Amino acid sequence: MSAGGWIRPCHRWTAIVFTLTVLANFAARALQGGEPPAWITYAPLPALFLLLLTGLTMFVQPYIARRRSGKPLLHA
């Protein structure tokens, strides 16, 4: 499986994990009525960091592929 083959599913599943942790954060705030423990507040951050890495990788892949193929990056 190529890099593009595993990065996209990883990005999608990380987005699901991130969404669930954010929802859990809001639920904890609503049920507790105040500030939840720090580990609940910061739980979405590892998934957010992975989303940043995988998203930037997917963004850069077409440019790397074009550079490797020898095609110009800008069309005149």
PDB file of N, CA and C in Angstrom:
ATOM      1  N   MET A   1       0.848  -1.174   0.000  1.00  0.00           N
ATOM      2  CA  MET A   1       0.000   0.000   0.000  1.00  0.00           C
ATOM      3  C   MET A   1       0.890   1.232   0.000  1.00  0.00           C
ATOM      4  N   SER A   2       0.587   2.183  -0.874  1.00  0.00           N
ATOM      5  CA  SER A   2       1.393   3.392  -0.977  1.00  0.00           C
ATOM      6  C   SER A   2       1.077   4.333   0.179  1.00  0.00           C
ATOM      7  N   ALA A   3       1.865   5.406   0.249  1.00  0.00           N
ATOM      8  CA  ALA A   3       1.661   6.379   1.328  1.00  0.00           C
ATOM      9  C   ALA A   3       0.261   6.978   1.272  1.00  0.00           C
ATOM     10  N   GLY A   4      -0.217   7.269   0.069  1.00  0.00           N
ATOM     11  CA  GLY A   4      -1.560   7.814  -0.077  1.00  0.00           C
ATOM     12  C   GLY A   4      -2.635   6.806   0.278  1.00  0.00           C
ATOM     13  N   GLY A   5      -2.292   5.536   0.197  1.00  0.00           N
ATOM     14  CA  GLY A   5      -3.255   4.490   0.495  1.00  0.00           C
ATOM     15  C   GLY A   5      -3.545   4.325   1.973  1.00  0.00           C
ATOM     16  N   TRP A   6      -2.591   4.638   2.842  1.00  0.00           N
ATOM     17  CA  TRP A   6      -2.846   4.483   4.278  1.00  0.00           C
ATOM     18  C   TRP A   6      -3.034   5.815   4.989  1.00  0.00           C
ATOM     19  N   ILE A   7      -2.592   6.921   4.386  1.00  0.00           N
ATOM     20  CA  ILE A   7      -2.735   8.212   5.053  1.00  0.00           C
ATOM     21  C   ILE A   7      -4.190   8.663   5.066  1.00  0.00           C
ATOM     22  N   ARG A   8      -4.878   8.489   3.955  1.00  0.00           N
ATOM     23  CA  ARG A   8      -6.276   8.946   3.884  1.00  0.00           C
ATOM     24  C   ARG A   8      -7.179   8.214   4.883  1.00  0.00           C
ATOM     25  N   PRO A   9      -7.142   6.869   4.974  1.00  0.00           N
ATOM     26  CA  PRO A   9      -7.951   6.203   6.007  1.00  0.00           C
ATOM     27  C   PRO A   9      -7.525   6.579   7.422  1.00  0.00           C
ATOM     28  N   CYS A  10      -6.232   6.746   7.633  1.00  0.00           N
ATOM     29  CA  CYS A  10      -5.749   7.178   8.953  1.00  0.00           C
ATOM     30  C   CYS A  10      -6.307   8.555   9.295  1.00  0.00           C
ATOM     31  N   HIS A  11      -6.328   9.442   8.300  1.00  0.00           N
ATOM     32  CA  HIS A  11      -6.868  10.790   8.517  1.00  0.00           C
ATOM     33  C   HIS A  11      -8.362  10.717   8.855  1.00  0.00           C
ATOM     34  N   ARG A  12      -9.087   9.877   8.144  1.00  0.00           N
ATOM     35  CA  ARG A  12     -10.532   9.752   8.404  1.00  0.00           C
ATOM     36  C   ARG A  12     -10.817   9.202   9.792  1.00  0.00           C
ATOM     37  N   TRP A  13     -10.097   8.143  10.196  1.00  0.00           N
ATOM     38  CA  TRP A  13     -10.334   7.561  11.514  1.00  0.00           C
ATOM     39  C   TRP A  13      -9.881   8.496  12.629  1.00  0.00           C
ATOM     40  N   THR A  14      -8.818   9.237  12.381  1.00  0.00           N
ATOM     41  CA  THR A  14      -8.374  10.214  13.374  1.00  0.00           C
ATOM     42  C   THR A  14      -9.416  11.324  13.518  1.00  0.00           C
ATOM     43  N   ALA A  15     -10.044  11.702  12.426  1.00  0.00           N
ATOM     44  CA  ALA A  15     -11.104  12.710  12.490  1.00  0.00           C
ATOM     45  C   ALA A  15     -12.283  12.204  13.325  1.00  0.00           C
ATOM     46  N   ILE A  16     -12.594  10.928  13.204  1.00  0.00           N
ATOM     47  CA  ILE A  16     -13.673  10.348  14.017  1.00  0.00           C
ATOM     48  C   ILE A  16     -13.296  10.375  15.493  1.00  0.00           C
ATOM     49  N   VAL A  17     -12.070   9.981  15.800  1.00  0.00           N
ATOM     50  CA  VAL A  17     -11.600  10.003  17.193  1.00  0.00           C
ATOM     51  C   VAL A  17     -11.615  11.424  17.729  1.00  0.00           C
ATOM     52  N   PHE A  18     -11.149  12.364  16.933  1.00  0.00           N
ATOM     53  CA  PHE A  18     -11.144  13.767  17.356  1.00  0.00           C
ATOM     54  C   PHE A  18     -12.564  14.259  17.647  1.00  0.00           C
ATOM     55  N   THR A  19     -13.487  13.946  16.755  1.00  0.00           N
ATOM     56  CA  THR A  19     -14.880  14.368  16.954  1.00  0.00           C
ATOM     57  C   THR A  19     -15.463  13.775  18.231  1.00  0.00           C
ATOM     58  N   LEU A  20     -15.195  12.507  18.471  1.00  0.00           N
ATOM     59  CA  LEU A  20     -15.707  11.865  19.689  1.00  0.00           C
ATOM     60  C   LEU A  20     -15.109  12.467  20.952  1.00  0.00           C
ATOM     61  N   THR A  21     -13.825  12.797  20.924  1.00  0.00           N
ATOM     62  CA  THR A  21     -13.221  13.395  22.117  1.00  0.00           C
ATOM     63  C   THR A  21     -13.733  14.807  22.359  1.00  0.00           C
ATOM     64  N   VAL A  22     -14.008  15.547  21.287  1.00  0.00           N
ATOM     65  CA  VAL A  22     -14.586  16.889  21.463  1.00  0.00           C
ATOM     66  C   VAL A  22     -16.006  16.769  22.018  1.00  0.00           C
ATOM     67  N   LEU A  23     -16.790  15.827  21.511  1.00  0.00           N
ATOM     68  CA  LEU A  23     -18.143  15.621  22.039  1.00  0.00           C
ATOM     69  C   LEU A  23     -18.103  15.198  23.504  1.00  0.00           C
ATOM     70  N   ALA A  24     -17.159  14.335  23.851  1.00  0.00           N
ATOM     71  CA  ALA A  24     -17.011  13.925  25.247  1.00  0.00           C
ATOM     72  C   ALA A  24     -16.617  15.105  26.122  1.00  0.00           C
ATOM     73  N   ASN A  25     -15.815  15.987  25.585  1.00  0.00           N
ATOM     74  CA  ASN A  25     -15.416  17.188  26.314  1.00  0.00           C
ATOM     75  C   ASN A  25     -16.629  18.065  26.612  1.00  0.00           C
ATOM     76  N   PHE A  26     -17.464  18.297  25.607  1.00  0.00           N
ATOM     77  CA  PHE A  26     -18.665  19.100  25.812  1.00  0.00           C
ATOM     78  C   PHE A  26     -19.637  18.419  26.775  1.00  0.00           C
ATOM     79  N   ALA A  27     -19.770  17.095  26.653  1.00  0.00           N
ATOM     80  CA  ALA A  27     -20.663  16.363  27.555  1.00  0.00           C
ATOM     81  C   ALA A  27     -20.160  16.451  28.993  1.00  0.00           C
ATOM     82  N   ALA A  28     -18.862  16.343  29.186  1.00  0.00           N
ATOM     83  CA  ALA A  28     -18.303  16.445  30.535  1.00  0.00           C
ATOM     84  C   ALA A  28     -18.526  17.827  31.113  1.00  0.00           C
ATOM     85  N   ARG A  29     -18.387  18.846  30.279  1.00  0.00           N
ATOM     86  CA  ARG A  29     -18.634  20.217  30.760  1.00  0.00           C
ATOM     87  C   ARG A  29     -20.104  20.416  31.132  1.00  0.00           C
ATOM     88  N   ALA A  30     -20.999  19.833  30.339  1.00  0.00           N
ATOM     89  CA  ALA A  30     -22.424  20.009  30.608  1.00  0.00           C
ATOM     90  C   ALA A  30     -22.846  19.234  31.857  1.00  0.00           C
ATOM     91  N   LEU A  31     -22.340  18.014  32.013  1.00  0.00           N
ATOM     92  CA  LEU A  31     -22.743  17.190  33.150  1.00  0.00           C
ATOM     93  C   LEU A  31     -22.114  17.652  34.454  1.00  0.00           C
ATOM     94  N   GLN A  32     -20.896  18.128  34.369  1.00  0.00           N
ATOM     95  CA  GLN A  32     -20.206  18.550  35.583  1.00  0.00           C
ATOM     96  C   GLN A  32     -20.605  19.963  35.980  1.00  0.00           C
ATOM     97  N   GLY A  33     -21.037  20.755  35.031  1.00  0.00           N
ATOM     98  CA  GLY A  33     -21.481  22.103  35.330  1.00  0.00           C
ATOM     99  C   GLY A  33     -20.348  23.089  35.532  1.00  0.00           C
ATOM    100  N   GLY A  34     -19.170  22.720  35.212  1.00  0.00           N
ATOM    101  CA  GLY A  34     -18.027  23.608  35.375  1.00  0.00           C
ATOM    102  C   GLY A  34     -16.854  23.118  34.570  1.00  0.00           C
ATOM    103  N   GLU A  35     -15.682  23.402  35.081  1.00  0.00           N
ATOM    104  CA  GLU A  35     -14.459  22.994  34.404  1.00  0.00           C
ATOM    105  C   GLU A  35     -14.158  21.523  34.692  1.00  0.00           C
ATOM    106  N   PRO A  36     -14.070  20.675  33.645  1.00  0.00           N
ATOM    107  CA  PRO A  36     -13.746  19.255  33.854  1.00  0.00           C
ATOM    108  C   PRO A  36     -12.247  19.093  34.150  1.00  0.00           C
ATOM    109  N   PRO A  37     -11.832  17.904  34.508  1.00  0.00           N
ATOM    110  CA  PRO A  37     -10.406  17.669  34.738  1.00  0.00           C
ATOM    111  C   PRO A  37      -9.573  17.967  33.485  1.00  0.00           C
ATOM    112  N   ALA A  38      -8.312  18.259  33.709  1.00  0.00           N
ATOM    113  CA  ALA A  38      -7.428  18.665  32.607  1.00  0.00           C
ATOM    114  C   ALA A  38      -7.306  17.579  31.542  1.00  0.00           C
ATOM    115  N   TRP A  39      -7.296  16.301  31.942  1.00  0.00           N
ATOM    116  CA  TRP A  39      -7.115  15.247  30.942  1.00  0.00           C
ATOM    117  C   TRP A  39      -8.287  15.192  29.969  1.00  0.00           C
ATOM    118  N   ILE A  40      -9.481  15.575  30.409  1.00  0.00           N
ATOM    119  CA  ILE A  40     -10.630  15.618  29.498  1.00  0.00           C
ATOM    120  C   ILE A  40     -10.511  16.827  28.571  1.00  0.00           C
ATOM    121  N   THR A  41     -10.065  17.935  29.128  1.00  0.00           N
ATOM    122  CA  THR A  41      -9.923  19.157  28.337  1.00  0.00           C
ATOM    123  C   THR A  41      -8.898  18.981  27.226  1.00  0.00           C
ATOM    124  N   TYR A  42      -7.784  18.330  27.536  1.00  0.00           N
ATOM    125  CA  TYR A  42      -6.707  18.192  26.562  1.00  0.00           C
ATOM    126  C   TYR A  42      -6.739  16.884  25.773  1.00  0.00           C
ATOM    127  N   ALA A  43      -7.734  16.060  25.965  1.00  0.00           N
ATOM    128  CA  ALA A  43      -7.829  14.776  25.259  1.00  0.00           C
ATOM    129  C   ALA A  43      -7.894  14.922  23.727  1.00  0.00           C
ATOM    130  N   PRO A  44      -8.544  15.943  23.175  1.00  0.00           N
ATOM    131  CA  PRO A  44      -8.590  16.044  21.706  1.00  0.00           C
ATOM    132  C   PRO A  44      -7.266  16.447  21.053  1.00  0.00           C
ATOM    133  N   LEU A  45      -6.314  16.949  21.819  1.00  0.00           N
ATOM    134  CA  LEU A  45      -5.108  17.495  21.208  1.00  0.00           C
ATOM    135  C   LEU A  45      -4.232  16.468  20.475  1.00  0.00           C
ATOM    136  N   PRO A  46      -4.012  15.251  20.989  1.00  0.00           N
ATOM    137  CA  PRO A  46      -3.217  14.299  20.194  1.00  0.00           C
ATOM    138  C   PRO A  46      -3.859  13.973  18.840  1.00  0.00           C
ATOM    139  N   ALA A  47      -5.171  13.806  18.831  1.00  0.00           N
ATOM    140  CA  ALA A  47      -5.855  13.535  17.562  1.00  0.00           C
ATOM    141  C   ALA A  47      -5.773  14.743  16.637  1.00  0.00           C
ATOM    142  N   LEU A  48      -5.857  15.937  17.196  1.00  0.00           N
ATOM    143  CA  LEU A  48      -5.746  17.147  16.386  1.00  0.00           C
ATOM    144  C   LEU A  48      -4.354  17.258  15.766  1.00  0.00           C
ATOM    145  N   PHE A  49      -3.322  16.902  16.525  1.00  0.00           N
ATOM    146  CA  PHE A  49      -1.960  16.925  15.997  1.00  0.00           C
ATOM    147  C   PHE A  49      -1.806  15.917  14.855  1.00  0.00           C
ATOM    148  N   LEU A  50      -2.375  14.716  15.017  1.00  0.00           N
ATOM    149  CA  LEU A  50      -2.327  13.718  13.934  1.00  0.00           C
ATOM    150  C   LEU A  50      -3.100  14.187  12.702  1.00  0.00           C
ATOM    151  N   LEU A  51      -4.224  14.867  12.927  1.00  0.00           N
ATOM    152  CA  LEU A  51      -4.979  15.415  11.800  1.00  0.00           C
ATOM    153  C   LEU A  51      -4.146  16.449  11.044  1.00  0.00           C
ATOM    154  N   LEU A  52      -3.410  17.265  11.778  1.00  0.00           N
ATOM    155  CA  LEU A  52      -2.544  18.249  11.135  1.00  0.00           C
ATOM    156  C   LEU A  52      -1.491  17.564  10.276  1.00  0.00           C
ATOM    157  N   LEU A  53      -0.829  16.551  10.825  1.00  0.00           N
ATOM    158  CA  LEU A  53       0.224  15.860  10.087  1.00  0.00           C
ATOM    159  C   LEU A  53      -0.309  15.144   8.848  1.00  0.00           C
ATOM    160  N   THR A  54      -1.394  14.401   9.007  1.00  0.00           N
ATOM    161  CA  THR A  54      -1.929  13.666   7.865  1.00  0.00           C
ATOM    162  C   THR A  54      -2.538  14.611   6.825  1.00  0.00           C
ATOM    163  N   GLY A  55      -3.169  15.668   7.284  1.00  0.00           N
ATOM    164  CA  GLY A  55      -3.752  16.636   6.356  1.00  0.00           C
ATOM    165  C   GLY A  55      -2.695  17.355   5.542  1.00  0.00           C
ATOM    166  N   LEU A  56      -1.618  17.777   6.207  1.00  0.00           N
ATOM    167  CA  LEU A  56      -0.532  18.431   5.477  1.00  0.00           C
ATOM    168  C   LEU A  56       0.139  17.463   4.505  1.00  0.00           C
ATOM    169  N   THR A  57       0.262  16.212   4.900  1.00  0.00           N
ATOM    170  CA  THR A  57       0.851  15.208   4.010  1.00  0.00           C
ATOM    171  C   THR A  57       0.000  15.036   2.759  1.00  0.00           C
ATOM    172  N   MET A  58      -1.309  14.930   2.938  1.00  0.00           N
ATOM    173  CA  MET A  58      -2.188  14.784   1.774  1.00  0.00           C
ATOM    174  C   MET A  58      -2.170  16.040   0.906  1.00  0.00           C
ATOM    175  N   PHE A  59      -2.011  17.204   1.524  1.00  0.00           N
ATOM    176  CA  PHE A  59      -1.957  18.453   0.771  1.00  0.00           C
ATOM    177  C   PHE A  59      -0.707  18.527  -0.105  1.00  0.00           C
ATOM    178  N   VAL A  60       0.413  18.043   0.411  1.00  0.00           N
ATOM    179  CA  VAL A  60       1.695  18.167  -0.275  1.00  0.00           C
ATOM    180  C   VAL A  60       1.912  17.063  -1.309  1.00  0.00           C
ATOM    181  N   GLN A  61       1.234  15.934  -1.180  1.00  0.00           N
ATOM    182  CA  GLN A  61       1.462  14.794  -2.077  1.00  0.00           C
ATOM    183  C   GLN A  61       1.378  15.122  -3.569  1.00  0.00           C
ATOM    184  N   PRO A  62       0.372  15.868  -4.041  1.00  0.00           N
ATOM    185  CA  PRO A  62       0.339  16.160  -5.487  1.00  0.00           C
ATOM    186  C   PRO A  62       1.548  16.966  -5.960  1.00  0.00           C
ATOM    187  N   TYR A  63       2.019  17.884  -5.134  1.00  0.00           N
ATOM    188  CA  TYR A  63       3.169  18.693  -5.519  1.00  0.00           C
ATOM    189  C   TYR A  63       4.445  17.849  -5.585  1.00  0.00           C
ATOM    190  N   ILE A  64       4.586  16.924  -4.658  1.00  0.00           N
ATOM    191  CA  ILE A  64       5.749  16.028  -4.679  1.00  0.00           C
ATOM    192  C   ILE A  64       5.686  15.112  -5.895  1.00  0.00           C
ATOM    193  N   ALA A  65       4.506  14.605  -6.212  1.00  0.00           N
ATOM    194  CA  ALA A  65       4.357  13.721  -7.369  1.00  0.00           C
ATOM    195  C   ALA A  65       4.679  14.461  -8.667  1.00  0.00           C
ATOM    196  N   ARG A  66       4.240  15.710  -8.800  1.00  0.00           N
ATOM    197  CA  ARG A  66       4.533  16.488  -9.990  1.00  0.00           C
ATOM    198  C   ARG A  66       6.023  16.772 -10.111  1.00  0.00           C
ATOM    199  N   ARG A  67       6.655  17.077  -8.986  1.00  0.00           N
ATOM    200  CA  ARG A  67       8.086  17.379  -9.019  1.00  0.00           C
ATOM    201  C   ARG A  67       8.873  16.134  -9.419  1.00  0.00           C
ATOM    202  N   ARG A  68       8.467  14.968  -8.921  1.00  0.00           N
ATOM    203  CA  ARG A  68       9.159  13.724  -9.268  1.00  0.00           C
ATOM    204  C   ARG A  68       8.961  13.348 -10.728  1.00  0.00           C
ATOM    205  N   SER A  69       7.802  13.691 -11.285  1.00  0.00           N
ATOM    206  CA  SER A  69       7.534  13.340 -12.682  1.00  0.00           C
ATOM    207  C   SER A  69       8.206  14.300 -13.654  1.00  0.00           C
ATOM    208  N   GLY A  70       8.682  15.429 -13.169  1.00  0.00           N
ATOM    209  CA  GLY A  70       9.366  16.392 -14.029  1.00  0.00           C
ATOM    210  C   GLY A  70       8.461  17.406 -14.670  1.00  0.00           C
ATOM    211  N   LYS A  71       7.177  17.378 -14.357  1.00  0.00           N
ATOM    212  CA  LYS A  71       6.242  18.350 -14.915  1.00  0.00           C
ATOM    213  C   LYS A  71       6.413  19.677 -14.179  1.00  0.00           C
ATOM    214  N   PRO A  72       6.168  20.785 -14.856  1.00  0.00           N
ATOM    215  CA  PRO A  72       6.273  22.085 -14.177  1.00  0.00           C
ATOM    216  C   PRO A  72       5.144  22.251 -13.150  1.00  0.00           C
ATOM    217  N   LEU A  73       5.431  22.975 -12.077  1.00  0.00           N
ATOM    218  CA  LEU A  73       4.431  23.185 -11.039  1.00  0.00           C
ATOM    219  C   LEU A  73       3.391  24.205 -11.449  1.00  0.00           C
ATOM    220  N   LEU A  74       3.776  25.180 -12.248  1.00  0.00           N
ATOM    221  CA  LEU A  74       2.846  26.215 -12.702  1.00  0.00           C
ATOM    222  C   LEU A  74       2.640  26.092 -14.215  1.00  0.00           C
ATOM    223  N   HIS A  75       1.409  26.243 -14.621  1.00  0.00           N
ATOM    224  CA  HIS A  75       1.094  26.202 -16.054  1.00  0.00           C
ATOM    225  C   HIS A  75       1.058  27.612 -16.574  1.00  0.00           C
ATOM    226  N   ALA A  76       1.814  27.881 -17.650  1.00  0.00           N
ATOM    227  CA  ALA A  76       1.874  29.236 -18.203  1.00  0.00           C
ATOM    228  C   ALA A  76       0.865  29.404 -19.316  1.00  0.00           C
TER     229      ALA A  76
END
